[in-house]
Amino acid sequence: MESLDYAYLGELVKSAAQGDSNAFAELYAATYQQQYRYSLKYLRDEHLAQDALQETYIRALRNIRKLQNPDLFIAWLNRINFRTCYDMKKAQHSELMDIYNEEHLAVQHSPHGRVEEEVLKIDSSEYIVRQVMNLPLTESQVILMKYYQEMKLDEIAEIMNTSRSSVKRYLRSGRNHLKKILAEFEE
């Protein structure tokens, strides 16, 4: 993976924030491959990854003036991409759940409470995902990639451009935070 000149990117961000479209095009050229790899690993679909990449850069262009520290452009862009991919995956999951609910729950007209059990299971998993999203960004990213995307630690480390030991640390810390939250929920 090539090394980026963050100081130069910071100058490009300043120019792009002042309306320089060539500076934004250069930011795109310097970062799109890494962002695309992340989207593809997260979404596991080339077309969705391309859509996510497009949406990520549209959001970045619209909001670049709001970025207070231009040196943090890569972290800011990573967050936008993560949120975009998460939203797309959530929408895809929601569509699948709607189909599942229509087909599966409609068939379950049993007086034995199966419908209620299914609804409770869905509600509790949505609660857990909401709590994961409330964790610090790195922890939520790692947990979602590991448990929802079933990625390996080495893949996560590559995508996040960090070490495997850092990924393990984020995972451990995120799980500990979730245990505390879920323990409070059960009380």
Foldseek 3Di string as FASTA:
>chain_A
DDDDDLVVQLVLLVVLLVPDVVSLVVVCVVPVVLLLLLLCLLQVDNVRSVVLSVQLSVVCSVCSNVDPGSSCVVVVSNVSSLVSSVVVVVVVVVVVVVVCCVPPVVVPPDPPCPNVVVVVVVVVVVVLLVVLVVPPPLLSQLCCCCPVSVDDLVSSCSSVVHDSVVSVVSPVVSVVSSVVVVVVVVD
